[in-house]
Amino acid sequence: MQWFRLYNDIVDNHKIRMLAFEDRWHFIAIMACHSQELGGGDEFFERSLAIKLGVQVRELEEIQRRLMDVNLIDANWIPIGWDDRQFLSDNSHARVKKYREKQRLSNSVTKVKRDCNVSVTVQETDTDTDTEQKQNKSIVNQERKIILARVAALGIDMDLWDEYIKTRKRLKATNTPRGLRTLLGRIEKFVSQGRDATAMIEEANAQGWKTVYEPKGDTNVSKSALAILNHTDW
């Protein structure tokens, strides 16, 4: 397949923003290579990948380490969550293969009916349903990991975060991945303006708020808060 899905929220993704500019390109190039099914892991693969990225082979190990540190790729250079963001329907080869397999099974059943001259009933299975449920569960788990990674990047204590989630639940706030992404986006916006994420969560939890609010009259800028989102020193 000569193209792959690249979502427009990549420019706001906190993990991407943690990377130096050259590593952001490296990640895009690695996704393109994976889409081309470059594959491998041996010396020939690394030489090919180095040529694709425009770097020396000796630089690959450090590039891989930096991308793995923010959970963008695994040890085999495979982008994390690739299967969750790409769809089989995008690949015509996969569609043709599935269609031919379906036709083969249909022809096999017809042949059995003709040869045996008996009524043959093909039993339905839960395979498709189970597969879909596993895919949905995988997507939810991946979204939770991304949310927790954003919380950690903001320097928020996990116990405080869990307590605030319980408070939001009592207030009947939406704690779905989409709802939490909206909340974190609001926090990150204030942090980029110099606010302290932990202080905002503590206040919202104590006041019984569903979300965080910008402190009125607070013009102090926290350098440490800005560093959380702008740190690129590897």
Protein backbone atom coordinates (compact mmCIF):
# COMPACT_ATOMS: atom_id res chain seq x y z
CA MET A 1 0.00 0.00 0.00
CA GLN A 2 1.46 3.37 -1.05
CA TRP A 3 -0.18 5.42 1.69
CA PHE A 4 -1.08 5.16 5.38
CA ARG A 5 -3.32 7.07 7.79
CA LEU A 6 -1.71 10.02 9.58
CA TYR A 7 -4.11 11.81 11.93
CA ASN A 8 -4.16 15.60 12.19
CA ASP A 9 -3.97 15.48 16.01
CA ILE A 10 -0.32 14.46 15.68
CA VAL A 11 0.66 18.14 15.95
CA ASP A 12 -0.95 18.25 19.44
CA ASN A 13 0.22 14.83 20.61
CA HIS A 14 2.21 15.26 23.83
CA LYS A 15 4.63 12.45 22.96
CA ILE A 16 5.46 14.02 19.60
CA ARG A 17 5.97 17.39 21.28
CA MET A 18 8.49 15.77 23.62
CA LEU A 19 10.71 14.92 20.65
CA ALA A 20 13.36 17.05 19.03
CA PHE A 21 12.34 18.19 15.54
CA GLU A 22 14.58 15.71 13.72
CA ASP A 23 13.11 12.80 15.69
CA ARG A 24 9.60 13.86 14.73
CA TRP A 25 10.62 13.34 11.10
CA HIS A 26 12.34 10.06 12.00
CA PHE A 27 9.06 8.78 13.48
CA ILE A 28 7.08 9.77 10.35
CA ALA A 29 9.71 8.06 8.16
CA ILE A 30 9.58 4.89 10.29
CA MET A 31 5.79 4.75 9.88
CA ALA A 32 6.24 5.11 6.12
CA CYS A 33 8.80 2.27 6.12
CA HIS A 34 6.44 0.09 8.16
CA SER A 35 3.66 0.84 5.67
CA GLN A 36 6.03 -0.34 2.91
CA GLU A 37 6.51 -3.56 4.93
CA LEU A 38 10.26 -2.98 5.04
CA GLY A 39 10.35 -5.40 8.01
CA GLY A 40 13.33 -7.28 9.33
CA GLY A 41 15.72 -6.59 12.15
CA ASP A 42 18.95 -7.92 10.67
CA GLU A 43 21.94 -5.94 9.40
CA PHE A 44 20.44 -5.56 5.91
CA PHE A 45 17.25 -4.13 7.39
CA GLU A 46 19.18 -1.61 9.49
CA ARG A 47 21.22 -0.50 6.49
CA SER A 48 18.04 -0.06 4.46
CA LEU A 49 16.36 1.85 7.30
CA ALA A 50 19.39 4.12 7.72
CA ILE A 51 19.23 4.99 4.02
CA LYS A 52 15.49 5.69 4.27
CA LEU A 53 16.01 7.98 7.30
CA GLY A 54 19.09 9.63 5.80
CA VAL A 55 21.36 8.77 8.74
CA GLN A 56 24.35 6.55 9.48
CA VAL A 57 23.73 2.98 10.72
CA ARG A 58 25.51 3.81 13.97
CA GLU A 59 22.91 6.51 14.69
CA LEU A 60 19.94 4.10 14.53
CA GLU A 61 20.36 2.69 18.02
CA GLU A 62 20.15 6.14 19.62
CA ILE A 63 17.18 7.15 17.45
CA GLN A 64 15.39 3.94 18.44
CA ARG A 65 16.10 4.56 22.13
CA ARG A 66 14.67 8.08 22.02
CA LEU A 67 11.48 6.97 20.27
CA MET A 68 11.05 4.00 22.61
CA ASP A 69 11.48 6.30 25.64
CA VAL A 70 8.22 8.05 24.73
CA ASN A 71 6.51 4.79 23.72
CA LEU A 72 6.20 5.57 20.01
CA ILE A 73 7.86 2.38 18.69
CA ASP A 74 8.81 -1.03 20.06
CA ALA A 75 12.10 -2.92 19.95
CA ASN A 76 11.29 -4.15 16.43
CA TRP A 77 10.78 -0.61 15.07
CA ILE A 78 7.00 -1.17 14.88
CA PRO A 79 4.92 1.97 15.65
CA ILE A 80 2.92 1.49 18.86
CA GLY A 81 -0.81 1.21 18.18
CA TRP A 82 -0.27 0.88 14.41
CA ASP A 83 -3.06 -1.70 13.99
CA ASP A 84 -5.46 0.48 16.01
CA ARG A 85 -4.98 3.48 13.72
CA GLN A 86 -4.74 1.70 10.36
CA PHE A 87 -7.62 -0.28 8.87
CA LEU A 88 -7.67 -3.44 6.81
CA SER A 89 -10.19 -1.79 4.51
CA ASP A 90 -7.43 0.61 3.43
CA ASN A 91 -5.51 -2.29 1.91
CA SER A 92 -7.00 -3.65 -1.32
CA HIS A 93 -4.82 -6.77 -1.07
CA ALA A 94 -6.39 -7.62 2.30
CA ARG A 95 -9.90 -7.10 0.91
CA VAL A 96 -9.22 -9.31 -2.10
CA LYS A 97 -7.69 -12.02 0.10
CA LYS A 98 -10.70 -11.97 2.44
CA TYR A 99 -13.11 -12.12 -0.50
CA ARG A 100 -11.30 -15.07 -2.09
CA GLU A 101 -11.22 -16.93 1.23
CA LYS A 102 -14.96 -16.40 1.62
CA GLN A 103 -15.55 -17.68 -1.91
CA ARG A 104 -13.37 -20.73 -1.26
CA LEU A 105 -15.33 -21.63 1.88
CA SER A 106 -18.62 -21.10 0.05
CA ASN A 107 -17.53 -23.38 -2.80
CA SER A 108 -16.38 -26.03 -0.34
CA VAL A 109 -19.78 -26.10 1.37
CA THR A 110 -21.55 -26.31 -2.00
CA LYS A 111 -19.35 -29.22 -3.03
CA VAL A 112 -20.09 -31.11 0.20
CA LYS A 113 -23.82 -30.61 -0.35
CA ARG A 114 -23.59 -31.88 -3.92
CA ASP A 115 -21.37 -34.89 -3.19
CA CYS A 116 -23.21 -36.05 -0.08
CA ASN A 117 -26.69 -35.08 -1.24
CA VAL A 118 -27.52 -34.08 2.32
CA SER A 119 -28.46 -30.84 3.97
CA VAL A 120 -25.37 -29.15 5.34
CA THR A 121 -25.70 -26.33 7.82
CA VAL A 122 -22.69 -24.11 8.42
CA GLN A 123 -22.68 -23.17 12.08
CA GLU A 124 -22.03 -19.57 12.95
CA THR A 125 -19.16 -18.92 15.33
CA ASP A 126 -18.28 -16.10 17.64
CA THR A 127 -14.87 -15.68 16.00
CA ASP A 128 -15.74 -12.40 14.27
CA THR A 129 -17.44 -11.05 17.38
CA ASP A 130 -14.53 -12.07 19.61
CA THR A 131 -12.04 -10.50 17.23
CA GLU A 132 -13.98 -7.23 17.17
CA GLN A 133 -14.25 -7.22 20.97
CA LYS A 134 -10.51 -7.82 21.31
CA GLN A 135 -9.78 -4.99 18.88
CA ASN A 136 -12.09 -2.63 20.78
CA LYS A 137 -10.50 -3.63 24.08
CA SER A 138 -7.04 -3.09 22.62
CA ILE A 139 -8.03 0.41 21.46
CA VAL A 140 -9.44 1.30 24.91
CA ASN A 141 -6.31 0.00 26.67
CA GLN A 142 -4.10 1.97 24.30
CA GLU A 143 -6.12 5.14 24.93
CA ARG A 144 -5.79 4.62 28.69
CA LYS A 145 -2.02 4.24 28.36
CA ILE A 146 -1.82 7.45 26.35
CA ILE A 147 -3.94 9.31 28.93
CA LEU A 148 -1.78 8.08 31.83
CA ALA A 149 1.36 9.03 29.91
CA ARG A 150 -0.01 12.57 29.49
CA VAL A 151 -0.82 12.72 33.20
CA ALA A 152 2.71 11.60 34.07
CA ALA A 153 4.20 14.13 31.62
CA LEU A 154 2.33 16.89 33.46
CA GLY A 155 3.92 15.76 36.76
CA ILE A 156 0.58 14.89 38.36
CA ASP A 157 0.74 12.27 41.13
CA MET A 158 -1.19 9.15 40.10
CA ASP A 159 -2.90 8.79 43.49
CA LEU A 160 -4.15 12.39 43.22
CA TRP A 161 -5.32 11.73 39.66
CA ASP A 162 -7.20 8.56 40.69
CA GLU A 163 -8.84 10.44 43.57
CA TYR A 164 -9.96 13.23 41.23
CA ILE A 165 -11.37 10.71 38.75
CA LYS A 166 -13.49 9.30 41.60
CA THR A 167 -14.63 12.83 42.46
CA ARG A 168 -15.64 13.41 38.82
CA LYS A 169 -17.52 10.11 38.86
CA ARG A 170 -19.51 11.21 41.93
CA LEU A 171 -20.30 14.44 40.12
CA LYS A 172 -21.48 12.40 37.13
CA ALA A 173 -18.77 13.86 34.91
CA THR A 174 -17.77 12.03 31.73
CA ASN A 175 -14.69 9.86 32.40
CA THR A 176 -14.57 8.28 28.97
CA PRO A 177 -11.26 8.51 27.07
CA ARG A 178 -12.71 11.38 25.03
CA GLY A 179 -13.84 13.22 28.15
CA LEU A 180 -10.45 12.79 29.84
CA ARG A 181 -8.64 13.92 26.68
CA THR A 182 -10.70 17.12 26.78
CA LEU A 183 -9.82 17.63 30.45
CA LEU A 184 -6.12 17.03 29.84
CA GLY A 185 -6.15 19.36 26.85
CA ARG A 186 -7.51 22.10 29.12
CA ILE A 187 -4.84 21.39 31.76
CA GLU A 188 -2.06 21.36 29.16
CA LYS A 189 -3.27 24.70 27.83
CA PHE A 190 -3.01 26.27 31.29
CA VAL A 191 0.35 24.59 31.92
CA SER A 192 1.70 26.07 28.67
CA GLN A 193 0.73 29.46 30.17
CA GLY A 194 2.75 28.74 33.30
CA ARG A 195 0.14 27.19 35.61
CA ASP A 196 0.88 24.25 37.89
CA ALA A 197 -1.01 21.09 36.92
CA THR A 198 -0.92 19.52 40.38
CA ALA A 199 -2.25 22.68 42.03
CA MET A 200 -5.13 22.86 39.57
CA ILE A 201 -6.10 19.22 40.17
CA GLU A 202 -5.88 19.63 43.96
CA GLU A 203 -8.11 22.71 43.85
CA ALA A 204 -10.66 21.08 41.53
CA ASN A 205 -10.76 18.00 43.76
CA ALA A 206 -11.16 20.05 46.94
CA GLN A 207 -13.84 22.31 45.44
CA GLY A 208 -15.76 19.45 43.85
CA TRP A 209 -15.34 20.72 40.29
CA LYS A 210 -15.78 18.59 37.21
CA THR A 211 -12.94 20.41 35.47
CA VAL A 212 -10.11 22.85 36.19
CA TYR A 213 -10.30 26.61 35.96
CA GLU A 214 -7.73 29.28 35.39
CA PRO A 215 -6.89 31.01 38.70
CA LYS A 216 -8.22 34.57 38.63
CA GLY A 217 -5.64 37.28 39.08
CA ASP A 218 -2.75 34.79 39.03
CA THR A 219 -0.10 36.14 36.69
CA ASN A 220 2.87 34.19 38.05
CA VAL A 221 4.58 32.00 35.47
CA SER A 222 6.04 28.70 36.61
CA LYS A 223 9.19 27.81 34.67
CA SER A 224 8.94 24.21 35.83
CA ALA A 225 5.42 23.94 34.45
CA LEU A 226 6.53 25.24 31.07
CA ALA A 227 9.43 22.81 31.06
CA ILE A 228 7.05 19.86 31.33
CA LEU A 229 5.64 20.50 27.86
CA ASN A 230 8.68 22.10 26.20
CA HIS A 231 11.46 19.76 27.38
CA THR A 232 13.38 18.27 24.43
CA ASP A 233 16.78 17.64 26.00
CA TRP A 234 17.57 13.95 25.47
